[in-house]
Amino acid sequence: MHDASWIAGLTHETVIVHLKGGSHSLKGVLAAVHADCLLLRDAVVLEPDSQVILDGCVVIPRPNVDFMQTIRGEA
């Protein structure tokens, strides 16, 4: 298994998390990184024609993450 500790260095960065299975993608501020999950705040679900704002923090189990992009210059 690869060491993914570098992901913790992205805390407080705006990211897009793409979920496995062709499911939704979520954009938000990476608030915390845990061994089993990621925590996003100010998250939105990215839809083809809209964005759905989510209240509170969103917990994403790591096994559900396909890949993640950083969005530099956004807060």
PDB file of N, CA and C in Angstrom:
ATOM      1  N   MET A   1       0.848  -1.181   0.000  1.00  0.00           N
ATOM      2  CA  MET A   1       0.000   0.000   0.000  1.00  0.00           C
ATOM      3  C   MET A   1       0.888   1.237   0.000  1.00  0.00           C
ATOM      4  N   HIS A   2       0.466   2.274  -0.737  1.00  0.00           N
ATOM      5  CA  HIS A   2       1.239   3.499  -0.843  1.00  0.00           C
ATOM      6  C   HIS A   2       1.015   4.400   0.363  1.00  0.00           C
ATOM      7  N   ASP A   3       2.051   5.151   0.727  1.00  0.00           N
ATOM      8  CA  ASP A   3       1.936   6.118   1.810  1.00  0.00           C
ATOM      9  C   ASP A   3       1.249   7.363   1.258  1.00  0.00           C
ATOM     10  N   ALA A   4       0.090   7.688   1.790  1.00  0.00           N
ATOM     11  CA  ALA A   4      -0.675   8.837   1.312  1.00  0.00           C
ATOM     12  C   ALA A   4      -0.671   9.976   2.321  1.00  0.00           C
ATOM     13  N   SER A   5       0.360  10.039   3.164  1.00  0.00           N
ATOM     14  CA  SER A   5       0.413  11.083   4.179  1.00  0.00           C
ATOM     15  C   SER A   5       0.525  12.481   3.570  1.00  0.00           C
ATOM     16  N   TRP A   6       0.988  12.581   2.327  1.00  0.00           N
ATOM     17  CA  TRP A   6       1.095  13.870   1.655  1.00  0.00           C
ATOM     18  C   TRP A   6      -0.266  14.545   1.512  1.00  0.00           C
ATOM     19  N   ILE A   7      -1.345  13.753   1.518  1.00  0.00           N
ATOM     20  CA  ILE A   7      -2.686  14.325   1.363  1.00  0.00           C
ATOM     21  C   ILE A   7      -2.994  15.280   2.517  1.00  0.00           C
ATOM     22  N   ALA A   8      -2.497  14.995   3.710  1.00  0.00           N
ATOM     23  CA  ALA A   8      -2.739  15.871   4.861  1.00  0.00           C
ATOM     24  C   ALA A   8      -2.196  17.276   4.609  1.00  0.00           C
ATOM     25  N   GLY A   9      -1.176  17.394   3.773  1.00  0.00           N
ATOM     26  CA  GLY A   9      -0.628  18.700   3.443  1.00  0.00           C
ATOM     27  C   GLY A   9      -1.570  19.560   2.610  1.00  0.00           C
ATOM     28  N   LEU A  10      -2.633  18.957   2.089  1.00  0.00           N
ATOM     29  CA  LEU A  10      -3.614  19.691   1.301  1.00  0.00           C
ATOM     30  C   LEU A  10      -4.739  20.265   2.163  1.00  0.00           C
ATOM     31  N   THR A  11      -4.685  20.028   3.470  1.00  0.00           N
ATOM     32  CA  THR A  11      -5.715  20.555   4.361  1.00  0.00           C
ATOM     33  C   THR A  11      -5.822  22.064   4.178  1.00  0.00           C
ATOM     34  N   HIS A  12      -7.040  22.541   4.117  1.00  0.00           N
ATOM     35  CA  HIS A  12      -7.399  23.952   3.918  1.00  0.00           C
ATOM     36  C   HIS A  12      -7.272  24.392   2.459  1.00  0.00           C
ATOM     37  N   GLU A  13      -7.023  23.462   1.550  1.00  0.00           N
ATOM     38  CA  GLU A  13      -7.019  23.753   0.117  1.00  0.00           C
ATOM     39  C   GLU A  13      -8.394  23.404  -0.454  1.00  0.00           C
ATOM     40  N   THR A  14      -8.801  24.101  -1.501  1.00  0.00           N
ATOM     41  CA  THR A  14     -10.024  23.744  -2.211  1.00  0.00           C
ATOM     42  C   THR A  14      -9.705  22.577  -3.130  1.00  0.00           C
ATOM     43  N   VAL A  15     -10.543  21.546  -3.060  1.00  0.00           N
ATOM     44  CA  VAL A  15     -10.318  20.332  -3.842  1.00  0.00           C
ATOM     45  C   VAL A  15     -11.619  19.894  -4.510  1.00  0.00           C
ATOM     46  N   ILE A  16     -11.470  19.095  -5.540  1.00  0.00           N
ATOM     47  CA  ILE A  16     -12.598  18.374  -6.124  1.00  0.00           C
ATOM     48  C   ILE A  16     -12.313  16.896  -5.905  1.00  0.00           C
ATOM     49  N   VAL A  17     -13.247  16.222  -5.250  1.00  0.00           N
ATOM     50  CA  VAL A  17     -13.124  14.796  -4.979  1.00  0.00           C
ATOM     51  C   VAL A  17     -14.062  14.068  -5.933  1.00  0.00           C
ATOM     52  N   HIS A  18     -13.497  13.222  -6.784  1.00  0.00           N
ATOM     53  CA  HIS A  18     -14.268  12.427  -7.731  1.00  0.00           C
ATOM     54  C   HIS A  18     -14.499  11.058  -7.093  1.00  0.00           C
ATOM     55  N   LEU A  19     -15.762  10.654  -7.044  1.00  0.00           N
ATOM     56  CA  LEU A  19     -16.114   9.400  -6.383  1.00  0.00           C
ATOM     57  C   LEU A  19     -16.120   8.243  -7.373  1.00  0.00           C
ATOM     58  N   LYS A  20     -15.864   7.054  -6.879  1.00  0.00           N
ATOM     59  CA  LYS A  20     -15.821   5.850  -7.714  1.00  0.00           C
ATOM     60  C   LYS A  20     -17.195   5.526  -8.273  1.00  0.00           C
ATOM     61  N   GLY A  21     -17.199   4.752  -9.322  1.00  0.00           N
ATOM     62  CA  GLY A  21     -18.444   4.274  -9.899  1.00  0.00           C
ATOM     63  C   GLY A  21     -19.170   5.287 -10.758  1.00  0.00           C
ATOM     64  N   GLY A  22     -18.457   6.344 -11.199  1.00  0.00           N
ATOM     65  CA  GLY A  22     -19.105   7.355 -12.020  1.00  0.00           C
ATOM     66  C   GLY A  22     -20.127   8.159 -11.247  1.00  0.00           C
ATOM     67  N   SER A  23     -20.001   8.122  -9.948  1.00  0.00           N
ATOM     68  CA  SER A  23     -20.912   8.848  -9.072  1.00  0.00           C
ATOM     69  C   SER A  23     -20.590  10.334  -9.129  1.00  0.00           C
ATOM     70  N   HIS A  24     -21.148  11.100  -8.228  1.00  0.00           N
ATOM     71  CA  HIS A  24     -20.956  12.548  -8.186  1.00  0.00           C
ATOM     72  C   HIS A  24     -19.508  12.930  -7.855  1.00  0.00           C
ATOM     73  N   SER A  25     -19.215  14.189  -8.149  1.00  0.00           N
ATOM     74  CA  SER A  25     -17.975  14.810  -7.704  1.00  0.00           C
ATOM     75  C   SER A  25     -18.342  15.897  -6.718  1.00  0.00           C
ATOM     76  N   LEU A  26     -17.501  16.088  -5.714  1.00  0.00           N
ATOM     77  CA  LEU A  26     -17.742  17.079  -4.678  1.00  0.00           C
ATOM     78  C   LEU A  26     -16.606  18.082  -4.664  1.00  0.00           C
ATOM     79  N   LYS A  27     -16.956  19.377  -4.570  1.00  0.00           N
ATOM     80  CA  LYS A  27     -15.963  20.436  -4.463  1.00  0.00           C
ATOM     81  C   LYS A  27     -16.119  21.066  -3.091  1.00  0.00           C
ATOM     82  N   GLY A  28     -15.000  21.271  -2.393  1.00  0.00           N
ATOM     83  CA  GLY A  28     -15.052  21.906  -1.088  1.00  0.00           C
ATOM     84  C   GLY A  28     -13.662  22.113  -0.529  1.00  0.00           C
ATOM     85  N   VAL A  29     -13.615  22.634   0.675  1.00  0.00           N
ATOM     86  CA  VAL A  29     -12.343  22.857   1.357  1.00  0.00           C
ATOM     87  C   VAL A  29     -12.025  21.606   2.167  1.00  0.00           C
ATOM     88  N   LEU A  30     -10.856  21.048   1.940  1.00  0.00           N
ATOM     89  CA  LEU A  30     -10.432  19.856   2.666  1.00  0.00           C
ATOM     90  C   LEU A  30     -10.138  20.250   4.108  1.00  0.00           C
ATOM     91  N   ALA A  31     -11.033  19.887   5.008  1.00  0.00           N
ATOM     92  CA  ALA A  31     -10.935  20.313   6.406  1.00  0.00           C
ATOM     93  C   ALA A  31     -10.083  19.365   7.233  1.00  0.00           C
ATOM     94  N   ALA A  32     -10.112  18.067   6.912  1.00  0.00           N
ATOM     95  CA  ALA A  32      -9.338  17.087   7.681  1.00  0.00           C
ATOM     96  C   ALA A  32      -9.121  15.839   6.845  1.00  0.00           C
ATOM     97  N   VAL A  33      -8.027  15.174   7.133  1.00  0.00           N
ATOM     98  CA  VAL A  33      -7.671  13.914   6.478  1.00  0.00           C
ATOM     99  C   VAL A  33      -7.467  12.875   7.568  1.00  0.00           C
ATOM    100  N   HIS A  34      -8.209  11.787   7.477  1.00  0.00           N
ATOM    101  CA  HIS A  34      -8.088  10.688   8.433  1.00  0.00           C
ATOM    102  C   HIS A  34      -7.741   9.418   7.669  1.00  0.00           C
ATOM    103  N   ALA A  35      -7.324   8.415   8.379  1.00  0.00           N
ATOM    104  CA  ALA A  35      -6.936   7.152   7.737  1.00  0.00           C
ATOM    105  C   ALA A  35      -8.084   6.543   6.941  1.00  0.00           C
ATOM    106  N   ASP A  36      -9.318   6.756   7.405  1.00  0.00           N
ATOM    107  CA  ASP A  36     -10.460   6.113   6.762  1.00  0.00           C
ATOM    108  C   ASP A  36     -11.390   7.060   6.009  1.00  0.00           C
ATOM    109  N   CYS A  37     -11.161   8.381   6.108  1.00  0.00           N
ATOM    110  CA  CYS A  37     -12.075   9.308   5.453  1.00  0.00           C
ATOM    111  C   CYS A  37     -11.444  10.680   5.235  1.00  0.00           C
ATOM    112  N   LEU A  38     -12.107  11.454   4.372  1.00  0.00           N
ATOM    113  CA  LEU A  38     -11.774  12.858   4.155  1.00  0.00           C
ATOM    114  C   LEU A  38     -12.948  13.678   4.653  1.00  0.00           C
ATOM    115  N   LEU A  39     -12.690  14.872   5.152  1.00  0.00           N
ATOM    116  CA  LEU A  39     -13.739  15.752   5.633  1.00  0.00           C
ATOM    117  C   LEU A  39     -13.701  17.038   4.819  1.00  0.00           C
ATOM    118  N   LEU A  40     -14.827  17.354   4.145  1.00  0.00           N
ATOM    119  CA  LEU A  40     -14.931  18.575   3.357  1.00  0.00           C
ATOM    120  C   LEU A  40     -15.886  19.544   4.036  1.00  0.00           C
ATOM    121  N   ARG A  41     -15.555  20.831   3.992  1.00  0.00           N
ATOM    122  CA  ARG A  41     -16.498  21.855   4.449  1.00  0.00           C
ATOM    123  C   ARG A  41     -16.807  22.762   3.259  1.00  0.00           C
ATOM    124  N   ASP A  42     -17.911  23.487   3.362  1.00  0.00           N
ATOM    125  CA  ASP A  42     -18.364  24.352   2.263  1.00  0.00           C
ATOM    126  C   ASP A  42     -18.456  23.562   0.961  1.00  0.00           C
ATOM    127  N   ALA A  43     -19.008  22.359   1.051  1.00  0.00           N
ATOM    128  CA  ALA A  43     -19.022  21.450  -0.093  1.00  0.00           C
ATOM    129  C   ALA A  43     -20.230  21.672  -1.000  1.00  0.00           C
ATOM    130  N   VAL A  44     -20.011  21.405  -2.269  1.00  0.00           N
ATOM    131  CA  VAL A  44     -21.083  21.398  -3.261  1.00  0.00           C
ATOM    132  C   VAL A  44     -20.953  20.132  -4.094  1.00  0.00           C
ATOM    133  N   VAL A  45     -22.107  19.597  -4.514  1.00  0.00           N
ATOM    134  CA  VAL A  45     -22.139  18.475  -5.450  1.00  0.00           C
ATOM    135  C   VAL A  45     -22.111  19.085  -6.838  1.00  0.00           C
ATOM    136  N   LEU A  46     -21.163  18.664  -7.646  1.00  0.00           N
ATOM    137  CA  LEU A  46     -21.034  19.187  -9.006  1.00  0.00           C
ATOM    138  C   LEU A  46     -21.897  18.363  -9.950  1.00  0.00           C
ATOM    139  N   GLU A  47     -22.914  18.987 -10.486  1.00  0.00           N
ATOM    140  CA  GLU A  47     -23.812  18.373 -11.462  1.00  0.00           C
ATOM    141  C   GLU A  47     -23.482  18.957 -12.835  1.00  0.00           C
ATOM    142  N   PRO A  48     -23.870  18.283 -13.916  1.00  0.00           N
ATOM    143  CA  PRO A  48     -23.558  18.826 -15.246  1.00  0.00           C
ATOM    144  C   PRO A  48     -24.093  20.242 -15.481  1.00  0.00           C
ATOM    145  N   ASP A  49     -25.282  20.554 -14.967  1.00  0.00           N
ATOM    146  CA  ASP A  49     -25.885  21.858 -15.232  1.00  0.00           C
ATOM    147  C   ASP A  49     -26.067  22.718 -13.994  1.00  0.00           C
ATOM    148  N   SER A  50     -25.596  22.258 -12.838  1.00  0.00           N
ATOM    149  CA  SER A  50     -25.811  23.027 -11.616  1.00  0.00           C
ATOM    150  C   SER A  50     -24.853  22.565 -10.524  1.00  0.00           C
ATOM    151  N   GLN A  51     -24.927  23.259  -9.395  1.00  0.00           N
ATOM    152  CA  GLN A  51     -24.178  22.872  -8.209  1.00  0.00           C
ATOM    153  C   GLN A  51     -25.156  22.834  -7.044  1.00  0.00           C
ATOM    154  N   VAL A  52     -25.141  21.750  -6.284  1.00  0.00           N
ATOM    155  CA  VAL A  52     -26.013  21.604  -5.125  1.00  0.00           C
ATOM    156  C   VAL A  52     -25.171  21.844  -3.876  1.00  0.00           C
ATOM    157  N   ILE A  53     -25.517  22.879  -3.105  1.00  0.00           N
ATOM    158  CA  ILE A  53     -24.777  23.218  -1.892  1.00  0.00           C
ATOM    159  C   ILE A  53     -25.180  22.271  -0.766  1.00  0.00           C
ATOM    160  N   LEU A  54     -24.200  21.738  -0.060  1.00  0.00           N
ATOM    161  CA  LEU A  54     -24.441  20.837   1.063  1.00  0.00           C
ATOM    162  C   LEU A  54     -24.207  21.575   2.367  1.00  0.00           C
ATOM    163  N   ASP A  55     -25.111  21.397   3.325  1.00  0.00           N
ATOM    164  CA  ASP A  55     -24.963  22.014   4.642  1.00  0.00           C
ATOM    165  C   ASP A  55     -23.991  21.225   5.495  1.00  0.00           C
ATOM    166  N   GLY A  56     -23.262  21.921   6.349  1.00  0.00           N
ATOM    167  CA  GLY A  56     -22.364  21.269   7.292  1.00  0.00           C
ATOM    168  C   GLY A  56     -21.141  20.689   6.620  1.00  0.00           C
ATOM    169  N   CYS A  57     -20.519  19.764   7.307  1.00  0.00           N
ATOM    170  CA  CYS A  57     -19.330  19.087   6.787  1.00  0.00           C
ATOM    171  C   CYS A  57     -19.741  17.759   6.155  1.00  0.00           C
ATOM    172  N   VAL A  58     -18.972  17.343   5.178  1.00  0.00           N
ATOM    173  CA  VAL A  58     -19.242  16.097   4.470  1.00  0.00           C
ATOM    174  C   VAL A  58     -18.098  15.129   4.744  1.00  0.00           C
ATOM    175  N   VAL A  59     -18.439  13.925   5.175  1.00  0.00           N
ATOM    176  CA  VAL A  59     -17.461  12.866   5.417  1.00  0.00           C
ATOM    177  C   VAL A  59     -17.480  11.938   4.212  1.00  0.00           C
ATOM    178  N   ILE A  60     -16.306  11.754   3.606  1.00  0.00           N
ATOM    179  CA  ILE A  60     -16.185  10.883   2.436  1.00  0.00           C
ATOM    180  C   ILE A  60     -15.283   9.709   2.804  1.00  0.00           C
ATOM    181  N   PRO A  61     -15.833   8.493   2.851  1.00  0.00           N
ATOM    182  CA  PRO A  61     -14.992   7.333   3.129  1.00  0.00           C
ATOM    183  C   PRO A  61     -13.918   7.185   2.039  1.00  0.00           C
ATOM    184  N   ARG A  62     -12.690   6.976   2.436  1.00  0.00           N
ATOM    185  CA  ARG A  62     -11.580   6.888   1.472  1.00  0.00           C
ATOM    186  C   ARG A  62     -11.777   5.815   0.412  1.00  0.00           C
ATOM    187  N   PRO A  63     -12.375   4.645   0.749  1.00  0.00           N
ATOM    188  CA  PRO A  63     -12.569   3.655  -0.320  1.00  0.00           C
ATOM    189  C   PRO A  63     -13.489   4.140  -1.448  1.00  0.00           C
ATOM    190  N   ASN A  64     -14.273   5.195  -1.204  1.00  0.00           N
ATOM    191  CA  ASN A  64     -15.178   5.731  -2.230  1.00  0.00           C
ATOM    192  C   ASN A  64     -14.499   6.738  -3.149  1.00  0.00           C
ATOM    193  N   VAL A  65     -13.282   7.157  -2.830  1.00  0.00           N
ATOM    194  CA  VAL A  65     -12.592   8.192  -3.607  1.00  0.00           C
ATOM    195  C   VAL A  65     -11.878   7.564  -4.800  1.00  0.00           C
ATOM    196  N   ASP A  66     -12.206   8.075  -5.994  1.00  0.00           N
ATOM    197  CA  ASP A  66     -11.514   7.642  -7.207  1.00  0.00           C
ATOM    198  C   ASP A  66     -10.233   8.455  -7.351  1.00  0.00           C
ATOM    199  N   PHE A  67     -10.365   9.785  -7.374  1.00  0.00           N
ATOM    200  CA  PHE A  67      -9.197  10.660  -7.370  1.00  0.00           C
ATOM    201  C   PHE A  67      -9.611  12.036  -6.875  1.00  0.00           C
ATOM    202  N   MET A  68      -8.603  12.875  -6.609  1.00  0.00           N
ATOM    203  CA  MET A  68      -8.851  14.195  -6.065  1.00  0.00           C
ATOM    204  C   MET A  68      -7.984  15.207  -6.803  1.00  0.00           C
ATOM    205  N   GLN A  69      -8.560  16.389  -7.078  1.00  0.00           N
ATOM    206  CA  GLN A  69      -7.836  17.483  -7.724  1.00  0.00           C
ATOM    207  C   GLN A  69      -7.750  18.652  -6.757  1.00  0.00           C
ATOM    208  N   THR A  70      -6.624  19.357  -6.766  1.00  0.00           N
ATOM    209  CA  THR A  70      -6.534  20.596  -6.006  1.00  0.00           C
ATOM    210  C   THR A  70      -6.907  21.746  -6.928  1.00  0.00           C
ATOM    211  N   ILE A  71      -7.577  22.730  -6.362  1.00  0.00           N
ATOM    212  CA  ILE A  71      -7.974  23.921  -7.091  1.00  0.00           C
ATOM    213  C   ILE A  71      -7.233  25.089  -6.465  1.00  0.00           C
ATOM    214  N   ARG A  72      -6.135  25.469  -7.030  1.00  0.00           N
ATOM    215  CA  ARG A  72      -5.295  26.527  -6.470  1.00  0.00           C
ATOM    216  C   ARG A  72      -5.937  27.890  -6.684  1.00  0.00           C
ATOM    217  N   GLY A  73      -5.744  28.778  -5.713  1.00  0.00           N
ATOM    218  CA  GLY A  73      -6.209  30.148  -5.841  1.00  0.00           C
ATOM    219  C   GLY A  73      -7.649  30.355  -5.449  1.00  0.00           C
ATOM    220  N   GLU A  74      -8.339  29.323  -4.952  1.00  0.00           N
ATOM    221  CA  GLU A  74      -9.715  29.475  -4.495  1.00  0.00           C
ATOM    222  C   GLU A  74      -9.766  29.241  -3.009  1.00  0.00           C
ATOM    223  N   ALA A  75     -10.758  29.815  -2.371  1.00  0.00           N
ATOM    224  CA  ALA A  75     -10.973  29.586  -0.935  1.00  0.00           C
ATOM    225  C   ALA A  75     -12.360  29.089  -0.700  1.00  0.00           C
TER     226      ALA A  75
END
